[in-house]
């Protein structure tokens, strides 16, 4: 299993819209609430420990995870 290098940008898609006040819980992620009722969070995560910490917080907040994607340097954020 490959461990991502430090500073990997992730896109996390969840069901439901997010209030901007939750962002301090989620690594100050950039959030875009979509018209289809989903939210897309984009953030840079240092390592696997930080990634799992964010995923656990999302679980604790009751946010249903739809997708998790590590972006390459050539991919643009939404």
C-alpha atoms as a PDB file:
ATOM      1  CA  UNK A   1       0.000   0.000   0.000  1.00  0.00           C
ATOM      2  CA  UNK A   2       1.424   3.384  -1.054  1.00  0.00           C
ATOM      3  CA  UNK A   3       1.567   6.189   1.441  1.00  0.00           C
ATOM      4  CA  UNK A   4       0.869   9.573  -0.186  1.00  0.00           C
ATOM      5  CA  UNK A   5       3.641  12.128  -0.007  1.00  0.00           C
ATOM      6  CA  UNK A   6       3.223  15.063   2.404  1.00  0.00           C
ATOM      7  CA  UNK A   7       0.957  17.801   1.188  1.00  0.00           C
ATOM      8  CA  UNK A   8      -1.422  15.753  -0.954  1.00  0.00           C
ATOM      9  CA  UNK A   9      -4.545  17.649  -2.016  1.00  0.00           C
ATOM     10  CA  UNK A  10      -7.741  15.673  -1.460  1.00  0.00           C
ATOM     11  CA  UNK A  11     -11.270  16.126  -2.681  1.00  0.00           C
ATOM     12  CA  UNK A  12     -13.873  14.676  -0.327  1.00  0.00           C
ATOM     13  CA  UNK A  13     -17.520  14.432  -1.375  1.00  0.00           C
ATOM     14  CA  UNK A  14     -20.256  14.037   1.269  1.00  0.00           C
ATOM     15  CA  UNK A  15     -24.045  13.888   1.245  1.00  0.00           C
ATOM     16  CA  UNK A  16     -25.642  17.078   2.562  1.00  0.00           C
ATOM     17  CA  UNK A  17     -24.661  20.709   2.629  1.00  0.00           C
ATOM     18  CA  UNK A  18     -22.096  21.967   5.132  1.00  0.00           C
ATOM     19  CA  UNK A  19     -22.182  25.084   7.246  1.00  0.00           C
ATOM     20  CA  UNK A  20     -19.010  27.166   7.010  1.00  0.00           C
ATOM     21  CA  UNK A  21     -18.730  27.027  10.835  1.00  0.00           C
ATOM     22  CA  UNK A  22     -17.768  23.331  10.611  1.00  0.00           C
ATOM     23  CA  UNK A  23     -14.648  24.004   8.579  1.00  0.00           C
ATOM     24  CA  UNK A  24     -12.361  24.473  11.598  1.00  0.00           C
ATOM     25  CA  UNK A  25     -13.178  20.836  12.419  1.00  0.00           C
ATOM     26  CA  UNK A  26     -12.222  19.726   8.944  1.00  0.00           C
ATOM     27  CA  UNK A  27      -8.695  21.069   8.449  1.00  0.00           C
ATOM     28  CA  UNK A  28     -10.000  24.442   7.177  1.00  0.00           C
ATOM     29  CA  UNK A  29     -11.145  22.725   3.993  1.00  0.00           C
ATOM     30  CA  UNK A  30     -12.590  24.705   1.117  1.00  0.00           C
ATOM     31  CA  UNK A  31     -16.208  23.638   0.735  1.00  0.00           C
ATOM     32  CA  UNK A  32     -18.552  23.997  -2.209  1.00  0.00           C
ATOM     33  CA  UNK A  33     -22.173  23.027  -1.604  1.00  0.00           C
ATOM     34  CA  UNK A  34     -23.559  21.504  -4.794  1.00  0.00           C
ATOM     35  CA  UNK A  35     -27.117  21.941  -6.140  1.00  0.00           C
ATOM     36  CA  UNK A  36     -27.615  18.146  -5.940  1.00  0.00           C
ATOM     37  CA  UNK A  37     -27.444  18.224  -2.129  1.00  0.00           C
ATOM     38  CA  UNK A  38     -23.803  17.159  -1.849  1.00  0.00           C
ATOM     39  CA  UNK A  39     -20.792  19.080  -0.572  1.00  0.00           C
ATOM     40  CA  UNK A  40     -17.282  18.913  -2.008  1.00  0.00           C
ATOM     41  CA  UNK A  41     -14.417  19.616   0.387  1.00  0.00           C
ATOM     42  CA  UNK A  42     -10.944  20.334  -0.944  1.00  0.00           C
ATOM     43  CA  UNK A  43      -7.985  20.389   1.401  1.00  0.00           C
ATOM     44  CA  UNK A  44      -4.284  19.607   1.590  1.00  0.00           C
ATOM     45  CA  UNK A  45      -3.497  16.793   4.003  1.00  0.00           C
ATOM     46  CA  UNK A  46      -0.002  16.125   5.307  1.00  0.00           C
ATOM     47  CA  UNK A  47      -0.181  12.369   5.897  1.00  0.00           C
ATOM     48  CA  UNK A  48      -2.396   9.321   6.430  1.00  0.00           C
ATOM     49  CA  UNK A  49      -2.818  10.093  10.136  1.00  0.00           C
ATOM     50  CA  UNK A  50      -4.292  13.511   9.345  1.00  0.00           C
ATOM     51  CA  UNK A  51      -6.517  12.001   6.640  1.00  0.00           C
ATOM     52  CA  UNK A  52      -7.964   9.413   9.013  1.00  0.00           C
ATOM     53  CA  UNK A  53      -8.436  12.088  11.687  1.00  0.00           C
ATOM     54  CA  UNK A  54     -10.559  14.140   9.278  1.00  0.00           C
ATOM     55  CA  UNK A  55     -12.545  11.074   8.205  1.00  0.00           C
ATOM     56  CA  UNK A  56     -13.256  10.214  11.848  1.00  0.00           C
ATOM     57  CA  UNK A  57     -14.454  13.775  12.497  1.00  0.00           C
ATOM     58  CA  UNK A  58     -16.734  13.539   9.460  1.00  0.00           C
ATOM     59  CA  UNK A  59     -18.135  10.267  10.774  1.00  0.00           C
ATOM     60  CA  UNK A  60     -18.691  11.824  14.197  1.00  0.00           C
ATOM     61  CA  UNK A  61     -20.558  14.718  12.553  1.00  0.00           C
ATOM     62  CA  UNK A  62     -22.787  12.192  10.768  1.00  0.00           C
ATOM     63  CA  UNK A  63     -21.629  13.163   7.264  1.00  0.00           C
ATOM     64  CA  UNK A  64     -22.210  10.307   4.798  1.00  0.00           C
ATOM     65  CA  UNK A  65     -19.032   9.863   2.724  1.00  0.00           C
ATOM     66  CA  UNK A  66     -19.657   9.538  -1.009  1.00  0.00           C
ATOM     67  CA  UNK A  67     -16.135   9.733  -2.439  1.00  0.00           C
ATOM     68  CA  UNK A  68     -12.515  10.437  -1.538  1.00  0.00           C
ATOM     69  CA  UNK A  69     -10.045  11.373  -4.243  1.00  0.00           C
ATOM     70  CA  UNK A  70      -6.360  12.266  -4.032  1.00  0.00           C
ATOM     71  CA  UNK A  71      -5.745  14.850  -6.728  1.00  0.00           C
ATOM     72  CA  UNK A  72      -2.678  14.878  -8.918  1.00  0.00           C
ATOM     73  CA  UNK A  73      -0.756  18.064  -9.613  1.00  0.00           C
ATOM     74  CA  UNK A  74      -2.395  18.342 -13.040  1.00  0.00           C
ATOM     75  CA  UNK A  75      -5.976  18.149 -11.766  1.00  0.00           C
ATOM     76  CA  UNK A  76      -7.893  21.346 -11.044  1.00  0.00           C
ATOM     77  CA  UNK A  77     -10.114  21.871  -8.023  1.00  0.00           C
ATOM     78  CA  UNK A  78     -13.850  22.455  -8.606  1.00  0.00           C
END
